[in-house]
């Protein structure tokens, strides 16, 4: 009998990964904190590649959908895999916002707003760098994310 592989079998909240988080990564992903704008690792990263959950490794966003929102945090128009991102109402800070969490790792990622580029759907996924691990394009296969190379091949052929 062959066991069918499901995404949830590959990506999960890994206690070992949680134990290796920096204090800032732990505060953001496990305690739903927000890192400072403009003083985080990926806010101005322009390298091609994908961003995965620092805890579970599930693919979240691609550099092809990243843009400069001038907010000081990495901003994306759409997730790579919609099923890997969960949206929840957040009523903290005396307002209602939409929190974004990783589906399988249950990491707090940031928030999604409706002030993104209209031509790309109008959404702005404003994400904490501390919740992300960046996989450069040249490392996708080696890191086990080779299937996402097609996102960049499409970009190149459209140019």
N, C-alpha and C. Protein backbone atom coordinates (compact mmCIF):
# COMPACT_ATOMS: atom_id res chain seq x y z
N UNK A 1 0.85 -1.19 0.00
CA UNK A 1 0.00 0.00 0.00
C UNK A 1 0.89 1.25 0.00
N UNK A 2 0.67 2.13 -0.96
CA UNK A 2 1.45 3.35 -1.08
C UNK A 2 0.73 4.47 -0.34
N UNK A 3 1.47 5.16 0.52
CA UNK A 3 0.88 6.28 1.25
C UNK A 3 0.86 7.50 0.34
N UNK A 4 -0.31 8.11 0.24
CA UNK A 4 -0.43 9.33 -0.55
C UNK A 4 0.18 10.48 0.24
N UNK A 5 1.03 11.27 -0.42
CA UNK A 5 1.70 12.38 0.24
C UNK A 5 0.83 13.64 0.14
N UNK A 6 0.63 14.29 1.25
CA UNK A 6 -0.14 15.54 1.31
C UNK A 6 0.78 16.67 1.74
N UNK A 7 0.43 17.89 1.34
CA UNK A 7 1.22 19.06 1.71
C UNK A 7 1.43 19.10 3.21
N UNK A 8 0.40 18.80 3.98
CA UNK A 8 0.52 18.87 5.44
C UNK A 8 1.53 17.85 5.97
N UNK A 9 1.84 16.80 5.19
CA UNK A 9 2.88 15.85 5.59
C UNK A 9 4.26 16.47 5.44
N UNK A 10 4.40 17.37 4.48
CA UNK A 10 5.68 18.01 4.21
C UNK A 10 5.94 19.22 5.10
N UNK A 11 4.91 19.99 5.39
CA UNK A 11 5.05 21.24 6.12
C UNK A 11 4.24 21.18 7.40
N UNK A 12 4.92 21.46 8.51
CA UNK A 12 4.24 21.44 9.80
C UNK A 12 5.03 22.32 10.75
N UNK A 13 4.42 22.64 11.87
CA UNK A 13 5.12 23.40 12.90
C UNK A 13 6.16 22.47 13.51
N UNK A 14 7.40 22.74 13.25
CA UNK A 14 8.50 21.87 13.67
C UNK A 14 9.09 22.40 14.98
N UNK A 15 8.91 21.67 16.09
CA UNK A 15 9.43 22.13 17.39
C UNK A 15 10.94 22.40 17.36
N UNK A 16 11.66 21.61 16.59
CA UNK A 16 13.11 21.83 16.49
C UNK A 16 13.41 23.17 15.81
N UNK A 17 12.65 23.47 14.75
CA UNK A 17 12.83 24.76 14.05
C UNK A 17 12.46 25.91 14.99
N UNK A 18 11.40 25.76 15.77
CA UNK A 18 11.00 26.80 16.73
C UNK A 18 12.12 27.04 17.73
N UNK A 19 12.76 25.97 18.18
CA UNK A 19 13.84 26.11 19.18
C UNK A 19 15.06 26.83 18.61
N UNK A 20 15.23 26.86 17.29
CA UNK A 20 16.37 27.52 16.65
C UNK A 20 16.09 28.97 16.26
N UNK A 21 14.87 29.45 16.48
CA UNK A 21 14.53 30.83 16.10
C UNK A 21 15.32 31.83 16.92
N UNK A 22 15.67 32.95 16.29
CA UNK A 22 16.26 34.05 17.04
C UNK A 22 15.17 34.64 17.93
N UNK A 23 15.53 35.43 18.93
CA UNK A 23 14.49 36.06 19.76
C UNK A 23 13.48 36.87 18.93
N UNK A 24 13.96 37.59 17.92
CA UNK A 24 13.05 38.38 17.08
C UNK A 24 12.13 37.48 16.26
N UNK A 25 12.67 36.42 15.67
CA UNK A 25 11.84 35.48 14.91
C UNK A 25 10.78 34.84 15.81
N UNK A 26 11.15 34.49 17.02
CA UNK A 26 10.20 33.88 17.95
C UNK A 26 9.10 34.88 18.31
N UNK A 27 9.51 36.10 18.63
CA UNK A 27 8.55 37.14 19.00
C UNK A 27 7.54 37.38 17.88
N UNK A 28 8.01 37.42 16.64
CA UNK A 28 7.13 37.67 15.49
C UNK A 28 6.26 36.46 15.19
N UNK A 29 6.87 35.29 14.98
CA UNK A 29 6.11 34.13 14.50
C UNK A 29 5.25 33.48 15.58
N UNK A 30 5.71 33.47 16.82
CA UNK A 30 5.00 32.74 17.87
C UNK A 30 4.16 33.64 18.76
N UNK A 31 4.52 34.93 18.84
CA UNK A 31 3.81 35.88 19.71
C UNK A 31 3.09 36.98 18.94
N UNK A 32 3.06 36.86 17.61
CA UNK A 32 2.34 37.80 16.73
C UNK A 32 2.82 39.24 16.85
N UNK A 33 4.12 39.41 17.03
CA UNK A 33 4.69 40.76 17.12
C UNK A 33 4.99 41.29 15.72
N UNK A 34 5.40 42.54 15.66
CA UNK A 34 5.78 43.18 14.40
C UNK A 34 7.18 43.73 14.55
N UNK A 35 8.02 43.46 13.57
CA UNK A 35 9.38 43.99 13.60
C UNK A 35 9.39 45.43 13.12
N UNK A 36 10.45 46.18 13.39
CA UNK A 36 10.49 47.59 12.96
C UNK A 36 10.57 47.72 11.44
N UNK A 37 9.90 48.73 10.89
CA UNK A 37 10.01 48.97 9.45
C UNK A 37 11.42 49.45 9.10
N UNK A 38 11.85 49.13 7.89
CA UNK A 38 13.13 49.56 7.33
C UNK A 38 14.34 49.01 8.08
N UNK A 39 14.12 48.25 9.15
CA UNK A 39 15.23 47.65 9.89
C UNK A 39 14.98 46.15 10.01
N UNK A 40 14.74 45.55 8.86
CA UNK A 40 14.51 44.11 8.80
C UNK A 40 15.18 43.58 7.54
N UNK A 41 15.42 42.32 7.53
CA UNK A 41 16.30 41.70 6.53
C UNK A 41 15.85 41.83 5.07
N UNK A 42 14.57 41.71 4.80
CA UNK A 42 14.15 41.59 3.40
C UNK A 42 13.35 42.77 2.83
N UNK A 43 13.19 43.85 3.57
CA UNK A 43 12.33 44.93 3.08
C UNK A 43 12.78 45.45 1.72
N UNK A 44 14.10 45.46 1.48
CA UNK A 44 14.59 45.97 0.20
C UNK A 44 15.34 44.92 -0.61
N UNK A 45 15.12 43.64 -0.31
CA UNK A 45 15.76 42.57 -1.07
C UNK A 45 15.18 42.53 -2.49
N UNK A 46 16.04 42.58 -3.47
CA UNK A 46 15.61 42.57 -4.88
C UNK A 46 16.08 41.32 -5.61
N UNK A 47 16.67 40.38 -4.89
CA UNK A 47 17.18 39.15 -5.51
C UNK A 47 16.02 38.25 -5.92
N UNK A 48 16.16 37.51 -7.03
CA UNK A 48 15.11 36.56 -7.42
C UNK A 48 15.14 35.33 -6.52
N UNK A 49 13.95 34.87 -6.15
CA UNK A 49 13.84 33.68 -5.31
C UNK A 49 12.48 33.62 -4.65
N UNK A 50 12.34 32.70 -3.71
CA UNK A 50 11.07 32.56 -2.99
C UNK A 50 11.30 32.73 -1.50
N UNK A 51 10.21 33.03 -0.82
CA UNK A 51 10.22 33.21 0.63
C UNK A 51 9.37 32.11 1.24
N UNK A 52 9.94 31.42 2.23
CA UNK A 52 9.24 30.32 2.89
C UNK A 52 9.10 30.62 4.37
N UNK A 53 8.17 29.94 5.03
CA UNK A 53 7.97 30.07 6.47
C UNK A 53 9.23 29.61 7.19
N UNK A 54 9.77 30.43 8.07
CA UNK A 54 10.99 30.12 8.80
C UNK A 54 10.81 28.91 9.72
N UNK A 55 9.57 28.60 10.10
CA UNK A 55 9.30 27.48 11.00
C UNK A 55 9.00 26.19 10.24
N UNK A 56 8.11 26.25 9.25
CA UNK A 56 7.66 25.03 8.57
C UNK A 56 8.31 24.79 7.22
N UNK A 57 8.85 25.84 6.61
CA UNK A 57 9.41 25.72 5.27
C UNK A 57 8.40 25.79 4.15
N UNK A 58 7.11 25.98 4.49
CA UNK A 58 6.12 26.02 3.42
C UNK A 58 6.30 27.26 2.56
N UNK A 59 6.22 27.10 1.22
CA UNK A 59 6.40 28.21 0.30
C UNK A 59 5.28 29.24 0.46
N UNK A 60 5.68 30.50 0.56
CA UNK A 60 4.69 31.56 0.81
C UNK A 60 4.63 32.60 -0.30
N UNK A 61 5.75 33.21 -0.64
CA UNK A 61 5.76 34.31 -1.59
C UNK A 61 6.96 34.21 -2.52
N UNK A 62 6.83 34.84 -3.70
CA UNK A 62 7.91 34.86 -4.69
C UNK A 62 8.35 36.30 -4.94
N UNK A 63 9.62 36.45 -5.26
CA UNK A 63 10.13 37.79 -5.57
C UNK A 63 9.44 38.38 -6.80
N UNK A 64 8.89 37.53 -7.67
CA UNK A 64 8.18 38.01 -8.86
C UNK A 64 6.91 38.78 -8.48
N UNK A 65 6.41 38.57 -7.25
CA UNK A 65 5.21 39.26 -6.78
C UNK A 65 5.52 40.28 -5.68
N UNK A 66 6.80 40.58 -5.49
CA UNK A 66 7.24 41.53 -4.46
C UNK A 66 7.32 42.92 -5.08
N UNK A 67 6.98 43.92 -4.30
CA UNK A 67 7.08 45.30 -4.80
C UNK A 67 7.40 46.23 -3.64
N UNK A 68 7.83 47.43 -3.95
CA UNK A 68 8.17 48.42 -2.93
C UNK A 68 6.92 49.21 -2.56
N UNK A 69 6.35 48.88 -1.42
CA UNK A 69 5.14 49.57 -0.96
C UNK A 69 5.49 50.82 -0.15
N UNK A 70 6.79 51.03 0.07
CA UNK A 70 7.29 52.16 0.86
C UNK A 70 6.85 52.08 2.33
N UNK A 71 6.49 50.86 2.77
CA UNK A 71 6.06 50.66 4.16
C UNK A 71 7.22 50.28 5.06
N UNK A 72 8.32 49.78 4.46
CA UNK A 72 9.46 49.34 5.25
C UNK A 72 9.44 47.85 5.57
N UNK A 73 8.45 47.13 5.05
CA UNK A 73 8.37 45.68 5.20
C UNK A 73 8.27 45.06 3.82
N UNK A 74 8.68 43.80 3.68
CA UNK A 74 8.47 43.13 2.40
C UNK A 74 6.98 43.10 2.06
N UNK A 75 6.64 43.48 0.85
CA UNK A 75 5.25 43.51 0.41
C UNK A 75 5.09 42.71 -0.87
N UNK A 76 4.01 41.94 -0.92
CA UNK A 76 3.73 41.06 -2.05
C UNK A 76 2.29 41.24 -2.48
N UNK A 77 2.01 40.98 -3.75
CA UNK A 77 0.64 41.13 -4.27
C UNK A 77 -0.19 39.86 -4.10
N UNK A 78 0.49 38.71 -3.99
CA UNK A 78 -0.23 37.43 -3.94
C UNK A 78 0.70 36.36 -3.35
N UNK A 79 0.16 35.39 -2.63
CA UNK A 79 0.99 34.26 -2.19
C UNK A 79 1.30 33.32 -3.35
N UNK A 80 2.37 32.54 -3.22
CA UNK A 80 2.69 31.51 -4.22
C UNK A 80 1.60 30.46 -4.23
N UNK A 81 1.28 29.96 -3.04
CA UNK A 81 0.27 28.92 -2.86
C UNK A 81 -0.77 29.46 -1.89
N UNK A 82 -1.93 29.81 -2.40
CA UNK A 82 -2.98 30.39 -1.55
C UNK A 82 -3.30 29.48 -0.36
N UNK A 83 -3.21 28.16 -0.55
CA UNK A 83 -3.53 27.21 0.52
C UNK A 83 -2.53 27.27 1.68
N UNK A 84 -1.36 27.88 1.46
CA UNK A 84 -0.36 27.97 2.53
C UNK A 84 -0.50 29.22 3.39
N UNK A 85 -1.48 30.07 3.05
CA UNK A 85 -1.68 31.31 3.79
C UNK A 85 -3.10 31.36 4.32
N UNK A 86 -3.22 31.62 5.61
CA UNK A 86 -4.53 31.70 6.27
C UNK A 86 -4.75 33.15 6.71
N UNK A 87 -5.95 33.65 6.49
CA UNK A 87 -6.30 35.00 6.91
C UNK A 87 -7.24 34.94 8.11
N UNK A 88 -6.96 35.77 9.12
CA UNK A 88 -7.79 35.83 10.33
C UNK A 88 -8.05 37.28 10.69
N UNK A 89 -9.22 37.55 11.25
CA UNK A 89 -9.51 38.90 11.73
C UNK A 89 -8.63 39.21 12.93
N UNK A 90 -8.06 40.40 12.94
CA UNK A 90 -7.20 40.87 14.02
C UNK A 90 -7.80 42.17 14.54
N UNK A 91 -8.26 42.14 15.77
CA UNK A 91 -8.90 43.33 16.35
C UNK A 91 -8.01 44.01 17.38
N UNK A 92 -6.72 43.75 17.33
CA UNK A 92 -5.79 44.41 18.24
C UNK A 92 -5.54 45.84 17.77
N UNK A 93 -4.91 46.62 18.59
CA UNK A 93 -4.55 48.01 18.27
C UNK A 93 -5.77 48.87 17.94
N UNK A 94 -6.91 48.54 18.52
CA UNK A 94 -8.13 49.35 18.39
C UNK A 94 -8.62 49.51 16.95
N UNK A 95 -8.35 48.51 16.12
CA UNK A 95 -8.82 48.53 14.73
C UNK A 95 -9.00 47.08 14.27
N UNK A 96 -9.67 46.92 13.15
CA UNK A 96 -9.82 45.59 12.57
C UNK A 96 -8.93 45.49 11.35
N UNK A 97 -8.06 44.50 11.39
CA UNK A 97 -7.16 44.23 10.26
C UNK A 97 -7.29 42.75 9.93
N UNK A 98 -6.64 42.34 8.84
CA UNK A 98 -6.63 40.93 8.47
C UNK A 98 -5.21 40.40 8.66
N UNK A 99 -5.07 39.54 9.66
CA UNK A 99 -3.78 38.91 9.94
C UNK A 99 -3.53 37.81 8.92
N UNK A 100 -2.26 37.59 8.58
CA UNK A 100 -1.85 36.53 7.69
C UNK A 100 -0.95 35.58 8.48
N UNK A 101 -1.31 34.27 8.45
CA UNK A 101 -0.54 33.23 9.13
C UNK A 101 -0.22 32.12 8.13
N UNK A 102 0.86 31.40 8.39
CA UNK A 102 1.15 30.23 7.54
C UNK A 102 0.18 29.13 7.93
N UNK A 103 -0.33 28.42 6.94
CA UNK A 103 -1.37 27.42 7.17
C UNK A 103 -0.89 26.23 7.98
N UNK A 104 0.30 25.74 7.69
CA UNK A 104 0.77 24.51 8.33
C UNK A 104 1.69 24.77 9.51
N UNK A 105 2.45 25.86 9.46
CA UNK A 105 3.35 26.21 10.56
C UNK A 105 2.69 27.07 11.61
N UNK A 106 1.54 27.65 11.29
CA UNK A 106 0.81 28.56 12.16
C UNK A 106 1.67 29.72 12.65
N UNK A 107 2.58 30.18 11.80
CA UNK A 107 3.42 31.33 12.12
C UNK A 107 2.68 32.62 11.77
N UNK A 108 2.77 33.61 12.65
CA UNK A 108 2.28 34.95 12.31
C UNK A 108 3.24 35.50 11.26
N UNK A 109 2.68 35.94 10.12
CA UNK A 109 3.49 36.48 9.04
C UNK A 109 3.40 37.99 8.96
N UNK A 110 2.20 38.53 9.13
CA UNK A 110 1.97 39.95 9.00
C UNK A 110 0.50 40.21 8.77
N UNK A 111 0.18 41.13 7.86
CA UNK A 111 -1.21 41.49 7.57
C UNK A 111 -1.39 41.70 6.07
N UNK A 112 -2.63 41.61 5.62
CA UNK A 112 -2.95 41.90 4.23
C UNK A 112 -3.89 43.09 4.21
N UNK A 113 -3.63 44.01 3.28
CA UNK A 113 -4.41 45.24 3.15
C UNK A 113 -4.90 45.36 1.71
N UNK A 114 -5.91 46.18 1.50
CA UNK A 114 -6.48 46.34 0.16
C UNK A 114 -5.97 47.60 -0.55
N UNK A 115 -4.74 48.01 -0.22
CA UNK A 115 -4.16 49.20 -0.85
C UNK A 115 -2.96 48.86 -1.74
N UNK A 116 -2.94 47.64 -2.26
CA UNK A 116 -1.86 47.23 -3.15
C UNK A 116 -2.10 47.72 -4.57
N UNK A 117 -1.19 47.39 -5.47
CA UNK A 117 -1.31 47.83 -6.87
C UNK A 117 -2.59 47.28 -7.52
N UNK A 118 -3.41 48.18 -8.01
CA UNK A 118 -4.69 47.79 -8.62
C UNK A 118 -4.50 46.81 -9.77
N UNK A 119 -3.47 47.04 -10.59
CA UNK A 119 -3.23 46.18 -11.76
C UNK A 119 -2.82 44.76 -11.38
N UNK A 120 -2.45 44.55 -10.10
CA UNK A 120 -2.05 43.22 -9.63
C UNK A 120 -3.08 42.64 -8.66
N UNK A 121 -4.28 43.20 -8.65
CA UNK A 121 -5.34 42.66 -7.79
C UNK A 121 -5.70 43.50 -6.59
N UNK A 122 -4.87 44.50 -6.28
CA UNK A 122 -5.20 45.45 -5.22
C UNK A 122 -4.83 45.04 -3.81
N UNK A 123 -4.16 43.91 -3.63
CA UNK A 123 -3.79 43.49 -2.28
C UNK A 123 -2.33 43.78 -1.99
N UNK A 124 -2.05 44.03 -0.70
CA UNK A 124 -0.68 44.22 -0.22
C UNK A 124 -0.48 43.29 0.98
N UNK A 125 0.25 42.21 0.76
CA UNK A 125 0.63 41.32 1.86
C UNK A 125 1.87 41.92 2.49
N UNK A 126 1.70 42.54 3.64
CA UNK A 126 2.77 43.22 4.36
C UNK A 126 3.32 42.23 5.38
N UNK A 127 4.53 41.72 5.13
CA UNK A 127 5.05 40.55 5.83
C UNK A 127 6.32 40.89 6.62
N UNK A 128 6.43 40.33 7.79
CA UNK A 128 7.63 40.49 8.62
C UNK A 128 8.77 39.63 8.06
N UNK A 129 9.93 40.23 7.86
CA UNK A 129 11.10 39.47 7.41
C UNK A 129 11.43 38.35 8.38
N UNK A 130 11.22 38.58 9.67
CA UNK A 130 11.58 37.59 10.70
C UNK A 130 10.78 36.30 10.56
N UNK A 131 9.67 36.33 9.82
CA UNK A 131 8.86 35.13 9.61
C UNK A 131 9.30 34.35 8.38
N UNK A 132 10.26 34.90 7.64
CA UNK A 132 10.62 34.35 6.35
C UNK A 132 12.04 33.83 6.29
N UNK A 133 12.22 32.84 5.42
CA UNK A 133 13.56 32.41 5.01
C UNK A 133 13.57 32.56 3.50
N UNK A 134 14.59 33.21 2.98
CA UNK A 134 14.69 33.45 1.55
C UNK A 134 15.50 32.34 0.89
N UNK A 135 14.95 31.81 -0.21
CA UNK A 135 15.64 30.79 -1.00
C UNK A 135 15.97 31.43 -2.35
N UNK A 136 17.26 31.72 -2.60
CA UNK A 136 17.63 32.33 -3.89
C UNK A 136 17.29 31.41 -5.06
N UNK A 137 17.00 32.01 -6.20
CA UNK A 137 16.64 31.28 -7.41
C UNK A 137 17.62 30.15 -7.72
N UNK A 138 18.91 30.42 -7.62
CA UNK A 138 19.91 29.40 -7.94
C UNK A 138 19.93 28.24 -6.96
N UNK A 139 19.30 28.38 -5.80
CA UNK A 139 19.29 27.32 -4.78
C UNK A 139 17.97 26.57 -4.70
N UNK A 140 17.01 26.90 -5.55
CA UNK A 140 15.68 26.28 -5.44
C UNK A 140 15.74 24.75 -5.50
N UNK A 141 16.42 24.21 -6.49
CA UNK A 141 16.49 22.75 -6.61
C UNK A 141 17.18 22.13 -5.39
N UNK A 142 18.34 22.67 -5.05
CA UNK A 142 19.12 22.12 -3.94
C UNK A 142 18.34 22.13 -2.63
N UNK A 143 17.48 23.14 -2.44
CA UNK A 143 16.71 23.28 -1.21
C UNK A 143 15.37 22.53 -1.26
N UNK A 144 15.06 21.90 -2.40
CA UNK A 144 13.82 21.12 -2.52
C UNK A 144 12.63 21.90 -3.03
N UNK A 145 12.86 23.07 -3.63
CA UNK A 145 11.78 23.91 -4.14
C UNK A 145 11.86 24.09 -5.65
N UNK A 146 12.45 23.12 -6.34
CA UNK A 146 12.67 23.21 -7.79
C UNK A 146 11.42 23.47 -8.60
N UNK A 147 10.26 22.99 -8.13
CA UNK A 147 9.02 23.20 -8.88
C UNK A 147 8.67 24.68 -9.02
N UNK A 148 9.24 25.54 -8.18
CA UNK A 148 8.92 26.97 -8.24
C UNK A 148 9.80 27.73 -9.22
N UNK A 149 10.77 27.06 -9.82
CA UNK A 149 11.60 27.70 -10.84
C UNK A 149 10.74 28.19 -12.00
N UNK A 150 9.64 27.50 -12.27
CA UNK A 150 8.76 27.87 -13.39
C UNK A 150 8.22 29.30 -13.24
N UNK A 151 8.10 29.79 -12.03
CA UNK A 151 7.64 31.16 -11.82
C UNK A 151 8.59 32.16 -12.48
N UNK A 152 9.87 31.83 -12.46
CA UNK A 152 10.88 32.73 -12.99
C UNK A 152 11.08 32.51 -14.48
N UNK A 153 10.89 31.30 -14.95
CA UNK A 153 10.97 31.01 -16.39
C UNK A 153 9.88 31.77 -17.13
N UNK A 154 8.66 31.83 -16.54
CA UNK A 154 7.54 32.57 -17.14
C UNK A 154 7.86 34.05 -17.21
N UNK A 155 8.49 34.57 -16.15
CA UNK A 155 8.84 35.99 -16.12
C UNK A 155 9.84 36.32 -17.23
N UNK A 156 10.83 35.44 -17.38
CA UNK A 156 11.85 35.67 -18.41
C UNK A 156 11.28 35.58 -19.82
N UNK A 157 10.38 34.62 -20.07
CA UNK A 157 9.83 34.46 -21.41
C UNK A 157 8.84 35.56 -21.76
N UNK A 158 8.27 36.20 -20.74
CA UNK A 158 7.32 37.30 -20.99
C UNK A 158 8.05 38.60 -21.34
N UNK A 159 9.34 38.67 -21.03
CA UNK A 159 10.11 39.90 -21.28
C UNK A 159 10.48 40.05 -22.73
